[in-house]
């Protein structure tokens, strides 16, 4: 199995997700948009993980690769590939599927807990019941039709 991830800035890689993927037997490849916008052949991946970053999904004028990334995400979903988004990554998935992205009433910055949502037992991805992760975001989104929410936090 092959997992591909999108990384937007040098300091936001897979982290512990790499361990989960390796334990599940995935071969891992990446597109690092800060260095190159070269996208993989969609037929060569089984799973797409879209990581976070400090930019907004709406920064297409400054970061034109966002347009290509959103198109690839939409095509991956249409092809039936599982796609996981972390923070900005979740916002990019929502935007690619036409959902609204807007300022969150609360900015979450720092090490804060998230709670996995166990109602999604059929989901490809499973989160621990609770996990402390680093947050740094001020935007949120409406959940697109067909998307599965896997985790939540106090403010988002």
N, C-alpha and C. Protein backbone atom coordinates (compact mmCIF):
# COMPACT_ATOMS: atom_id res chain seq x y z
N UNK A 1 0.84 -1.18 0.00
CA UNK A 1 0.00 0.00 0.00
C UNK A 1 0.88 1.24 0.00
N UNK A 2 0.39 2.28 -0.67
CA UNK A 2 1.18 3.50 -0.81
C UNK A 2 0.40 4.70 -0.28
N UNK A 3 1.01 5.41 0.65
CA UNK A 3 0.44 6.65 1.19
C UNK A 3 1.28 7.81 0.68
N UNK A 4 0.61 8.85 0.25
CA UNK A 4 1.30 10.06 -0.20
C UNK A 4 0.80 11.20 0.67
N UNK A 5 1.72 12.08 1.07
CA UNK A 5 1.27 13.23 1.86
C UNK A 5 1.73 14.53 1.24
N UNK A 6 0.90 15.56 1.47
CA UNK A 6 1.20 16.92 1.03
C UNK A 6 1.70 17.70 2.23
N UNK A 7 2.88 18.27 2.10
CA UNK A 7 3.49 19.08 3.16
C UNK A 7 3.65 20.50 2.62
N UNK A 8 3.20 21.49 3.40
CA UNK A 8 3.17 22.88 2.93
C UNK A 8 4.33 23.73 3.40
N UNK A 9 4.90 23.41 4.54
CA UNK A 9 6.03 24.15 5.09
C UNK A 9 7.01 23.15 5.70
N UNK A 10 8.30 23.49 5.77
CA UNK A 10 9.30 22.52 6.25
C UNK A 10 9.05 22.02 7.67
N UNK A 11 8.40 22.81 8.49
CA UNK A 11 8.26 22.45 9.91
C UNK A 11 6.95 21.75 10.24
N UNK A 12 6.16 21.34 9.25
CA UNK A 12 4.92 20.62 9.52
C UNK A 12 4.87 19.35 8.69
N UNK A 13 5.64 18.35 9.13
CA UNK A 13 5.65 17.06 8.47
C UNK A 13 4.62 16.11 9.06
N UNK A 14 4.79 14.84 8.80
CA UNK A 14 3.82 13.84 9.26
C UNK A 14 3.81 13.62 10.77
N UNK A 15 4.93 13.85 11.44
CA UNK A 15 4.97 13.60 12.88
C UNK A 15 4.62 12.15 13.18
N UNK A 16 3.76 11.92 14.18
CA UNK A 16 3.42 10.56 14.58
C UNK A 16 2.55 9.84 13.56
N UNK A 17 1.98 10.56 12.61
CA UNK A 17 1.22 9.90 11.55
C UNK A 17 2.14 8.96 10.76
N UNK A 18 3.41 9.33 10.61
CA UNK A 18 4.37 8.46 9.91
C UNK A 18 4.48 7.11 10.61
N UNK A 19 4.45 7.12 11.93
CA UNK A 19 4.52 5.87 12.69
C UNK A 19 3.28 5.02 12.46
N UNK A 20 2.11 5.66 12.47
CA UNK A 20 0.86 4.93 12.23
C UNK A 20 0.85 4.31 10.84
N UNK A 21 1.29 5.09 9.83
CA UNK A 21 1.31 4.58 8.46
C UNK A 21 2.30 3.43 8.32
N UNK A 22 3.49 3.58 8.88
CA UNK A 22 4.50 2.52 8.81
C UNK A 22 4.00 1.25 9.49
N UNK A 23 3.36 1.40 10.65
CA UNK A 23 2.84 0.24 11.37
C UNK A 23 1.74 -0.47 10.58
N UNK A 24 1.03 0.29 9.75
CA UNK A 24 -0.03 -0.30 8.92
C UNK A 24 0.51 -0.84 7.60
N UNK A 25 1.83 -0.71 7.38
CA UNK A 25 2.46 -1.28 6.20
C UNK A 25 2.49 -0.39 4.98
N UNK A 26 2.29 0.89 5.15
CA UNK A 26 2.30 1.81 4.01
C UNK A 26 3.72 2.20 3.62
N UNK A 27 3.96 2.28 2.33
CA UNK A 27 5.15 2.94 1.77
C UNK A 27 4.76 4.42 1.67
N UNK A 28 5.63 5.33 2.11
CA UNK A 28 5.27 6.75 2.22
C UNK A 28 6.07 7.58 1.23
N UNK A 29 5.35 8.41 0.45
CA UNK A 29 5.97 9.39 -0.44
C UNK A 29 5.36 10.75 -0.15
N UNK A 30 5.95 11.81 -0.71
CA UNK A 30 5.44 13.14 -0.37
C UNK A 30 5.59 14.13 -1.52
N UNK A 31 4.78 15.16 -1.45
CA UNK A 31 4.95 16.39 -2.23
C UNK A 31 5.18 17.48 -1.21
N UNK A 32 6.32 18.16 -1.32
CA UNK A 32 6.65 19.26 -0.41
C UNK A 32 6.50 20.56 -1.19
N UNK A 33 5.32 21.17 -1.06
CA UNK A 33 4.99 22.33 -1.88
C UNK A 33 5.94 23.50 -1.69
N UNK A 34 6.59 23.59 -0.56
CA UNK A 34 7.55 24.67 -0.33
C UNK A 34 8.79 24.51 -1.20
N UNK A 35 8.99 23.31 -1.76
CA UNK A 35 10.15 23.05 -2.61
C UNK A 35 9.76 22.79 -4.07
N UNK A 36 8.61 22.11 -4.27
CA UNK A 36 8.18 21.74 -5.62
C UNK A 36 6.70 21.40 -5.60
N UNK A 37 6.00 21.72 -6.66
CA UNK A 37 4.57 21.41 -6.74
C UNK A 37 4.32 20.17 -7.60
N UNK A 38 5.32 19.30 -7.69
CA UNK A 38 5.17 18.09 -8.50
C UNK A 38 4.23 17.11 -7.79
N UNK A 39 3.15 16.77 -8.47
CA UNK A 39 2.14 15.88 -7.90
C UNK A 39 2.36 14.45 -8.38
N UNK A 40 1.95 13.47 -7.57
CA UNK A 40 2.13 12.07 -7.97
C UNK A 40 1.07 11.66 -9.00
N UNK A 41 1.30 10.52 -9.60
CA UNK A 41 0.29 9.89 -10.43
C UNK A 41 -0.78 9.36 -9.47
N UNK A 42 -2.00 9.79 -9.64
CA UNK A 42 -3.08 9.40 -8.73
C UNK A 42 -3.25 7.89 -8.66
N UNK A 43 -2.97 7.20 -9.75
CA UNK A 43 -3.10 5.74 -9.78
C UNK A 43 -2.03 5.03 -8.96
N UNK A 44 -1.00 5.76 -8.55
CA UNK A 44 0.11 5.16 -7.81
C UNK A 44 -0.02 5.33 -6.30
N UNK A 45 -1.13 5.89 -5.83
CA UNK A 45 -1.30 6.05 -4.38
C UNK A 45 -2.61 5.40 -3.94
N UNK A 46 -2.61 4.94 -2.69
CA UNK A 46 -3.80 4.32 -2.11
C UNK A 46 -4.45 5.21 -1.06
N UNK A 47 -3.70 6.19 -0.58
CA UNK A 47 -4.14 7.04 0.52
C UNK A 47 -3.45 8.39 0.37
N UNK A 48 -4.19 9.48 0.64
CA UNK A 48 -3.62 10.83 0.61
C UNK A 48 -3.81 11.47 1.97
N UNK A 49 -2.73 12.04 2.51
CA UNK A 49 -2.77 12.78 3.77
C UNK A 49 -2.36 14.21 3.45
N UNK A 50 -3.19 15.17 3.86
CA UNK A 50 -2.94 16.59 3.58
C UNK A 50 -2.65 17.28 4.90
N UNK A 51 -1.42 17.74 5.06
CA UNK A 51 -0.97 18.31 6.33
C UNK A 51 -1.35 19.79 6.46
N UNK A 52 -0.98 20.37 7.60
CA UNK A 52 -1.30 21.76 7.91
C UNK A 52 -0.28 22.74 7.39
N UNK A 53 -0.47 23.99 7.77
CA UNK A 53 0.43 25.06 7.38
C UNK A 53 -0.14 26.39 7.80
N UNK A 54 0.67 27.44 7.78
CA UNK A 54 0.23 28.74 8.27
C UNK A 54 -0.60 29.54 7.27
N UNK A 55 -0.66 29.10 6.02
CA UNK A 55 -1.38 29.84 5.01
C UNK A 55 -2.88 29.58 5.10
N UNK A 56 -3.65 30.33 4.34
CA UNK A 56 -5.10 30.14 4.24
C UNK A 56 -5.40 29.41 2.93
N UNK A 57 -6.49 28.67 2.90
CA UNK A 57 -6.91 28.04 1.65
C UNK A 57 -7.23 29.10 0.60
N UNK A 58 -7.45 30.32 1.02
CA UNK A 58 -7.81 31.41 0.12
C UNK A 58 -6.60 32.17 -0.43
N UNK A 59 -5.38 31.73 -0.14
CA UNK A 59 -4.16 32.43 -0.56
C UNK A 59 -3.69 32.03 -1.96
N UNK A 60 -4.62 31.74 -2.85
CA UNK A 60 -4.26 31.24 -4.19
C UNK A 60 -3.46 32.25 -5.01
N UNK A 61 -3.69 33.55 -4.82
CA UNK A 61 -2.94 34.55 -5.59
C UNK A 61 -1.45 34.51 -5.23
N UNK A 62 -1.16 34.32 -3.93
CA UNK A 62 0.23 34.26 -3.48
C UNK A 62 0.84 32.87 -3.64
N UNK A 63 0.00 31.85 -3.59
CA UNK A 63 0.47 30.46 -3.64
C UNK A 63 -0.34 29.72 -4.71
N UNK A 64 -0.01 29.90 -5.99
CA UNK A 64 -0.83 29.32 -7.06
C UNK A 64 -0.92 27.80 -7.04
N UNK A 65 0.01 27.13 -6.37
CA UNK A 65 -0.07 25.67 -6.28
C UNK A 65 -1.28 25.21 -5.47
N UNK A 66 -1.88 26.10 -4.68
CA UNK A 66 -3.09 25.73 -3.94
C UNK A 66 -4.20 25.29 -4.90
N UNK A 67 -4.28 25.93 -6.06
CA UNK A 67 -5.30 25.56 -7.06
C UNK A 67 -5.06 24.13 -7.53
N UNK A 68 -3.81 23.80 -7.84
CA UNK A 68 -3.46 22.44 -8.27
C UNK A 68 -3.71 21.43 -7.17
N UNK A 69 -3.37 21.81 -5.95
CA UNK A 69 -3.55 20.90 -4.81
C UNK A 69 -5.02 20.59 -4.60
N UNK A 70 -5.86 21.61 -4.61
CA UNK A 70 -7.30 21.38 -4.41
C UNK A 70 -7.87 20.51 -5.52
N UNK A 71 -7.44 20.73 -6.75
CA UNK A 71 -7.92 19.90 -7.86
C UNK A 71 -7.50 18.44 -7.65
N UNK A 72 -6.25 18.22 -7.23
CA UNK A 72 -5.77 16.86 -6.99
C UNK A 72 -6.58 16.20 -5.86
N UNK A 73 -6.83 16.94 -4.79
CA UNK A 73 -7.62 16.41 -3.67
C UNK A 73 -9.00 15.98 -4.17
N UNK A 74 -9.66 16.85 -4.93
CA UNK A 74 -10.99 16.54 -5.45
C UNK A 74 -10.94 15.29 -6.34
N UNK A 75 -9.93 15.20 -7.20
CA UNK A 75 -9.80 14.04 -8.08
C UNK A 75 -9.53 12.76 -7.28
N UNK A 76 -8.74 12.86 -6.21
CA UNK A 76 -8.48 11.69 -5.36
C UNK A 76 -9.78 11.20 -4.72
N UNK A 77 -10.58 12.13 -4.22
CA UNK A 77 -11.85 11.76 -3.59
C UNK A 77 -12.79 11.15 -4.63
N UNK A 78 -12.88 11.77 -5.80
CA UNK A 78 -13.73 11.24 -6.87
C UNK A 78 -13.29 9.85 -7.31
N UNK A 79 -11.99 9.55 -7.18
CA UNK A 79 -11.46 8.23 -7.54
C UNK A 79 -11.64 7.21 -6.41
N UNK A 80 -12.23 7.64 -5.30
CA UNK A 80 -12.49 6.73 -4.18
C UNK A 80 -11.31 6.51 -3.26
N UNK A 81 -10.30 7.36 -3.35
CA UNK A 81 -9.13 7.24 -2.46
C UNK A 81 -9.48 7.84 -1.10
N UNK A 82 -9.09 7.20 -0.01
CA UNK A 82 -9.26 7.84 1.30
C UNK A 82 -8.33 9.05 1.41
N UNK A 83 -8.84 10.16 1.92
CA UNK A 83 -8.07 11.39 2.08
C UNK A 83 -8.26 11.89 3.50
N UNK A 84 -7.16 12.13 4.19
CA UNK A 84 -7.17 12.63 5.56
C UNK A 84 -6.57 14.02 5.57
N UNK A 85 -7.26 14.98 6.18
CA UNK A 85 -6.75 16.34 6.28
C UNK A 85 -6.51 16.73 7.72
N UNK A 86 -5.36 17.33 7.98
CA UNK A 86 -4.99 17.82 9.30
C UNK A 86 -4.99 19.34 9.25
N UNK A 87 -5.84 19.98 10.03
CA UNK A 87 -5.93 21.44 10.14
C UNK A 87 -6.11 22.08 8.77
N UNK A 88 -5.11 22.78 8.25
CA UNK A 88 -5.21 23.36 6.91
C UNK A 88 -5.60 22.28 5.90
N UNK A 89 -5.09 21.07 6.09
CA UNK A 89 -5.42 19.97 5.17
C UNK A 89 -6.91 19.69 5.14
N UNK A 90 -7.56 19.71 6.30
CA UNK A 90 -9.01 19.51 6.35
C UNK A 90 -9.73 20.67 5.66
N UNK A 91 -9.22 21.88 5.85
CA UNK A 91 -9.80 23.04 5.18
C UNK A 91 -9.64 22.94 3.66
N UNK A 92 -8.50 22.44 3.20
CA UNK A 92 -8.28 22.27 1.77
C UNK A 92 -9.24 21.24 1.18
N UNK A 93 -9.48 20.16 1.91
CA UNK A 93 -10.46 19.16 1.46
C UNK A 93 -11.83 19.81 1.36
N UNK A 94 -12.23 20.53 2.40
CA UNK A 94 -13.54 21.19 2.41
C UNK A 94 -13.65 22.16 1.23
N UNK A 95 -12.63 22.96 1.01
CA UNK A 95 -12.63 23.93 -0.09
C UNK A 95 -12.70 23.22 -1.44
N UNK A 96 -11.93 22.14 -1.59
CA UNK A 96 -11.93 21.39 -2.85
C UNK A 96 -13.31 20.83 -3.16
N UNK A 97 -14.09 20.57 -2.12
CA UNK A 97 -15.43 20.01 -2.30
C UNK A 97 -16.52 21.08 -2.26
N UNK A 98 -16.12 22.35 -2.25
CA UNK A 98 -17.08 23.44 -2.34
C UNK A 98 -17.67 23.91 -1.03
N UNK A 99 -17.13 23.47 0.10
CA UNK A 99 -17.66 23.90 1.41
C UNK A 99 -17.12 25.28 1.77
N UNK A 100 -17.80 25.92 2.69
CA UNK A 100 -17.44 27.27 3.12
C UNK A 100 -16.31 27.21 4.14
N UNK A 101 -15.30 28.09 3.97
CA UNK A 101 -14.20 28.27 4.92
C UNK A 101 -14.38 29.66 5.50
N UNK A 102 -14.27 29.80 6.83
CA UNK A 102 -14.55 31.09 7.46
C UNK A 102 -13.80 31.21 8.78
N UNK A 103 -13.68 32.45 9.31
CA UNK A 103 -12.98 32.63 10.59
C UNK A 103 -13.67 31.86 11.71
N UNK A 104 -12.87 31.17 12.52
CA UNK A 104 -13.39 30.46 13.69
C UNK A 104 -13.61 31.49 14.80
N UNK A 105 -14.68 31.38 15.57
CA UNK A 105 -14.90 32.34 16.66
C UNK A 105 -13.75 32.37 17.67
N UNK A 106 -13.03 31.26 17.79
CA UNK A 106 -11.93 31.15 18.75
C UNK A 106 -10.67 30.71 18.00
N UNK A 107 -9.56 31.41 18.22
CA UNK A 107 -8.28 30.92 17.69
C UNK A 107 -7.74 29.88 18.66
N UNK A 108 -7.29 28.77 18.13
CA UNK A 108 -6.68 27.74 18.97
C UNK A 108 -5.18 27.75 18.69
N UNK A 109 -4.40 28.06 19.70
CA UNK A 109 -2.95 28.10 19.58
C UNK A 109 -2.35 27.43 20.81
N UNK A 110 -1.53 26.40 20.58
CA UNK A 110 -0.87 25.72 21.68
C UNK A 110 -1.17 24.23 21.70
N UNK A 111 -0.65 23.56 22.72
CA UNK A 111 -0.87 22.13 22.90
C UNK A 111 -2.20 21.94 23.60
N UNK A 112 -3.17 21.42 22.86
CA UNK A 112 -4.54 21.26 23.37
C UNK A 112 -5.05 19.87 22.99
N UNK A 113 -6.00 19.35 23.77
CA UNK A 113 -6.51 18.01 23.46
C UNK A 113 -7.49 18.02 22.29
N UNK A 114 -7.50 16.91 21.56
CA UNK A 114 -8.57 16.63 20.62
C UNK A 114 -9.22 15.33 21.07
N UNK A 115 -10.45 15.14 20.68
CA UNK A 115 -11.17 13.92 21.01
C UNK A 115 -11.52 13.21 19.71
N UNK A 116 -11.18 11.93 19.63
CA UNK A 116 -11.61 11.12 18.50
C UNK A 116 -13.10 10.88 18.59
N UNK A 117 -13.75 10.80 17.45
CA UNK A 117 -15.20 10.57 17.41
C UNK A 117 -15.42 9.11 17.06
N UNK A 118 -15.90 8.34 18.02
CA UNK A 118 -16.01 6.88 17.84
C UNK A 118 -17.24 6.48 17.04
N UNK A 119 -18.13 7.41 16.75
CA UNK A 119 -19.33 7.08 15.99
C UNK A 119 -18.99 6.67 14.56
N UNK A 120 -17.77 6.91 14.14
CA UNK A 120 -17.37 6.61 12.77
C UNK A 120 -16.56 5.32 12.70
N UNK A 121 -17.14 4.23 13.18
CA UNK A 121 -16.42 2.97 13.23
C UNK A 121 -16.04 2.44 11.84
N UNK A 122 -16.74 2.90 10.81
CA UNK A 122 -16.42 2.43 9.46
C UNK A 122 -15.33 3.26 8.80
N UNK A 123 -14.86 4.29 9.48
CA UNK A 123 -13.86 5.18 8.89
C UNK A 123 -12.53 4.45 8.68
N UNK A 124 -11.83 4.82 7.63
CA UNK A 124 -10.51 4.26 7.35
C UNK A 124 -9.53 4.68 8.43
N UNK A 125 -9.67 5.91 8.93
CA UNK A 125 -8.77 6.47 9.92
C UNK A 125 -9.42 6.41 11.30
N UNK A 126 -8.66 6.02 12.30
CA UNK A 126 -9.18 6.00 13.67
C UNK A 126 -8.22 6.79 14.55
N UNK A 127 -8.79 7.69 15.32
CA UNK A 127 -8.00 8.49 16.24
C UNK A 127 -8.11 7.90 17.63
N UNK A 128 -7.11 8.13 18.48
CA UNK A 128 -7.25 7.75 19.88
C UNK A 128 -8.43 8.50 20.50
N UNK A 129 -8.93 7.99 21.60
CA UNK A 129 -10.06 8.65 22.27
C UNK A 129 -9.73 10.10 22.58
N UNK A 130 -8.53 10.34 23.08
CA UNK A 130 -8.07 11.72 23.30
C UNK A 130 -6.57 11.77 23.04
N UNK A 131 -6.13 12.89 22.53
CA UNK A 131 -4.72 13.07 22.21
C UNK A 131 -4.40 14.56 22.32
N UNK A 132 -3.25 14.88 22.86
CA UNK A 132 -2.83 16.28 22.93
C UNK A 132 -1.99 16.57 21.69
N UNK A 133 -2.43 17.58 20.93
CA UNK A 133 -1.74 17.94 19.68
C UNK A 133 -1.55 19.45 19.63
N UNK A 134 -0.64 19.88 18.78
CA UNK A 134 -0.39 21.31 18.65
C UNK A 134 -1.38 21.92 17.68
N UNK A 135 -2.04 22.97 18.13
CA UNK A 135 -3.02 23.71 17.31
C UNK A 135 -2.44 25.08 16.98
N UNK A 136 -2.75 25.56 15.77
CA UNK A 136 -2.45 26.95 15.42
C UNK A 136 -3.35 27.30 14.25
N UNK A 137 -4.58 27.65 14.55
CA UNK A 137 -5.49 28.00 13.47
C UNK A 137 -6.54 29.00 13.93
N UNK A 138 -7.03 29.76 12.96
CA UNK A 138 -8.07 30.74 13.22
C UNK A 138 -9.23 30.60 12.26
N UNK A 139 -9.17 29.61 11.36
CA UNK A 139 -10.26 29.39 10.42
C UNK A 139 -10.87 28.01 10.66
N UNK A 140 -12.10 27.86 10.23
CA UNK A 140 -12.79 26.58 10.30
C UNK A 140 -13.61 26.43 9.02
N UNK A 141 -14.45 25.41 8.95
CA UNK A 141 -15.18 25.13 7.70
C UNK A 141 -16.44 24.35 7.99
N UNK A 142 -17.35 24.38 7.02
CA UNK A 142 -18.52 23.52 7.05
C UNK A 142 -18.09 22.15 6.54
N UNK A 143 -18.60 21.10 7.16
CA UNK A 143 -18.26 19.74 6.73
C UNK A 143 -18.92 19.46 5.38
N UNK A 144 -18.15 19.10 4.37
CA UNK A 144 -18.74 18.82 3.06
C UNK A 144 -19.60 17.56 3.08
N UNK A 145 -20.55 17.48 2.17
CA UNK A 145 -21.38 16.29 2.05
C UNK A 145 -20.49 15.07 1.82
N UNK A 146 -20.74 14.00 2.55
CA UNK A 146 -19.98 12.77 2.40
C UNK A 146 -18.71 12.70 3.22
N UNK A 147 -18.28 13.82 3.80
CA UNK A 147 -17.07 13.83 4.63
C UNK A 147 -17.38 13.24 6.00
N UNK A 148 -16.37 12.70 6.65
CA UNK A 148 -16.52 12.12 7.98
C UNK A 148 -15.64 12.89 8.95
N UNK A 149 -16.24 13.44 9.98
CA UNK A 149 -15.46 14.13 11.01
C UNK A 149 -14.89 13.08 11.95
N UNK A 150 -13.58 13.08 12.10
CA UNK A 150 -12.90 12.06 12.89
C UNK A 150 -12.49 12.53 14.28
N UNK A 151 -12.36 13.84 14.45
CA UNK A 151 -11.90 14.37 15.73
C UNK A 151 -12.46 15.78 15.91
N UNK A 152 -12.46 16.21 17.16
CA UNK A 152 -12.92 17.57 17.47
C UNK A 152 -12.10 18.10 18.64
N UNK A 153 -12.16 19.42 18.79
CA UNK A 153 -11.50 20.06 19.92
C UNK A 153 -12.49 21.00 20.59
N UNK A 154 -12.08 21.58 21.69
CA UNK A 154 -12.95 22.50 22.44
C UNK A 154 -13.43 23.65 21.57
N UNK A 155 -12.54 24.20 20.75
CA UNK A 155 -12.90 25.39 19.98
C UNK A 155 -13.18 25.14 18.52
N UNK A 156 -13.09 23.90 18.08
CA UNK A 156 -13.24 23.67 16.63
C UNK A 156 -13.81 22.28 16.36
